[in-house]
Protein backbone atom coordinates (compact mmCIF):
# COMPACT_ATOMS: atom_id res chain seq x y z
CA MET A 1 6.87 17.80 -47.97
CA LEU A 2 3.62 19.71 -46.86
CA GLU A 3 3.77 22.84 -45.01
CA GLY A 4 1.76 23.57 -41.81
CA TYR A 5 -0.73 25.82 -43.58
CA GLN A 6 -1.23 23.36 -46.28
CA ARG A 7 -1.91 20.63 -43.85
CA LYS A 8 -4.45 22.76 -42.09
CA LEU A 9 -6.31 23.44 -45.38
CA LEU A 10 -6.17 19.69 -46.28
CA ARG A 11 -7.52 18.69 -42.89
CA GLY A 12 -10.32 21.16 -43.30
CA LEU A 13 -11.16 19.76 -46.58
CA ALA A 14 -11.17 16.22 -45.11
CA HIS A 15 -13.50 17.11 -42.32
CA ARG A 16 -16.55 16.38 -44.58
CA LEU A 17 -15.11 13.16 -45.95
CA LYS A 18 -16.14 9.67 -44.86
CA PRO A 19 -13.44 7.03 -44.39
CA ILE A 20 -12.73 5.10 -47.78
CA VAL A 21 -10.41 2.54 -46.55
CA LEU A 22 -10.98 0.63 -43.48
CA ILE A 23 -8.10 -1.33 -41.67
CA GLY A 24 -9.38 -4.38 -39.66
CA GLN A 25 -7.93 -7.19 -37.87
CA HIS A 26 -5.73 -8.44 -40.79
CA GLY A 27 -3.84 -5.29 -40.95
CA LEU A 28 -2.19 -3.84 -43.90
CA THR A 29 -2.71 -6.34 -46.57
CA GLY A 30 -1.92 -5.98 -50.53
CA ALA A 31 -5.39 -5.42 -51.27
CA ILE A 32 -5.70 -2.69 -48.62
CA VAL A 33 -2.55 -1.07 -50.24
CA LYS A 34 -4.06 -1.40 -53.74
CA THR A 35 -7.54 0.13 -52.69
CA THR A 36 -5.56 3.04 -50.96
CA ASP A 37 -3.55 3.76 -53.98
CA GLU A 38 -6.58 3.62 -56.21
CA ALA A 39 -8.53 5.99 -53.76
CA LEU A 40 -5.65 8.55 -53.85
CA ASN A 41 -5.58 8.33 -57.61
CA LYS A 42 -9.24 9.23 -57.71
CA HIS A 43 -9.67 11.56 -54.65
CA GLU A 44 -6.24 12.85 -53.88
CA LEU A 45 -7.43 13.31 -50.17
CA ILE A 46 -8.73 10.34 -48.35
CA LYS A 47 -9.48 9.21 -44.73
CA VAL A 48 -8.36 5.57 -43.52
CA LYS A 49 -10.19 4.38 -40.46
CA PHE A 50 -8.47 1.86 -38.09
CA ASN A 51 -11.15 -0.66 -36.87
CA ALA A 52 -8.83 -3.09 -35.08
CA TYR A 53 -5.58 -1.16 -34.34
CA LYS A 54 -6.31 1.03 -31.24
CA GLU A 55 -2.71 1.34 -30.04
CA LYS A 56 -0.82 4.63 -31.17
CA VAL A 57 2.47 2.63 -32.05
CA GLU A 58 0.59 0.12 -34.24
CA LYS A 59 -1.22 2.95 -35.98
CA LYS A 60 2.26 4.79 -36.54
CA GLU A 61 3.74 1.69 -38.13
CA ILE A 62 0.86 0.91 -40.65
CA ILE A 63 0.60 4.80 -41.50
CA ALA A 64 4.45 4.72 -42.27
CA GLU A 65 3.98 1.76 -44.28
CA ILE A 66 1.03 3.29 -46.32
CA GLU A 67 3.09 6.31 -46.84
CA ASN A 68 6.02 4.43 -48.26
CA ARG A 69 3.96 2.04 -50.46
CA THR A 70 1.63 4.75 -51.92
CA SER A 71 3.90 7.83 -51.93
CA ALA A 72 1.14 9.51 -49.97
CA GLN A 73 1.79 12.04 -47.04
CA LEU A 74 -0.02 11.99 -43.62
CA VAL A 75 -2.08 15.18 -43.28
CA GLY A 76 -3.37 14.28 -39.81
CA LEU A 77 -4.31 11.73 -37.39
CA ILE A 78 -7.62 12.18 -35.40
CA GLY A 79 -8.61 9.50 -32.91
CA HIS A 80 -8.70 6.18 -35.18
CA THR A 81 -8.77 8.08 -38.48
CA ALA A 82 -5.75 9.06 -40.56
CA ILE A 83 -5.93 11.55 -43.45
CA PHE A 84 -3.63 11.12 -46.49
CA TYR A 85 -2.89 13.34 -49.40
CA ARG A 86 -1.27 12.60 -52.71
CA GLU A 87 -1.27 15.13 -55.48
CA ASN A 88 -2.35 13.57 -58.72
CA SER A 89 0.52 13.45 -61.37
CA ASP A 90 -1.92 14.52 -64.21
CA PRO A 91 -2.23 18.35 -63.75
CA GLU A 92 -5.70 18.09 -65.48
CA LYS A 93 -7.04 15.71 -63.03
CA GLN A 94 -5.87 17.58 -59.96
CA LYS A 95 -8.81 18.38 -57.63
CA ILE A 96 -7.08 20.09 -55.06
CA LYS A 97 -4.93 23.17 -55.64
CA LEU A 98 -2.56 23.68 -52.70
CA PRO A 99 -1.60 27.41 -51.91
CA VAL A 100 2.09 28.12 -52.16
CA ARG A 101 3.56 30.99 -50.05
CA SER A 102 6.08 33.28 -51.84
CA SER A 103 9.05 34.13 -49.83
């Protein structure tokens, strides 16, 4: 689970990114899930743009499904663009090092 300060850092890093995955009128298909999973493996932090789903409820349902099927975490939702993060399981391939606050 991401902490607030980690989400803030990730949103800042995502600011310069362009959406990699586009969700259109067909919604969340198997191909979109596969593309999202591959993009997370490669980049760790990605943007997903909703072209057809403008209703907040619909977007939330698709976001929850992406989180469940890819084990990614939602970092933020800005307009019609969602930001997802999933740490690479291989420590050598990790591109983003999240800070951890010591208690």
